[in-house]
Amino acid sequence: MRTPRPPPRPAAPPPEGEPRVSTINDPLFTVEEAAELLGTGPRFPRRLIAERRIRYVKVGRHVRIPQSALIEYVTTNTVDPRAPRGPRRGGGMVA
């Protein structure tokens, strides 16, 4: 006769500074779907996963990327434009 299994422990809160993300209500995308959303080929999201630069979920042997991870990646890597410089000096042509 088996001994009863103890109830599962509640998930630990995320480390300080990390947002708590619910993946239950967060759509999961395949690598190909994520690539299409990012406007890249499938190698790019695969490389992000291999380099651990984006959060992902393992579903058995399949890899899925939460929508919130894609939004977080794009937000983190968005570069704002610089303010325009003043006029260039010496605007003449050089012979």
Foldseek 3Di string as FASTA:
>chain_A
DDDDDDDDDDDDDDPPPDDDDDQVPFDWAALCRLCVVVVHHSVVVVVCVVVVVFDWDCDPPGIIHTPVRSVVSCVVPDDDDDDDDDDDPPPDDDD
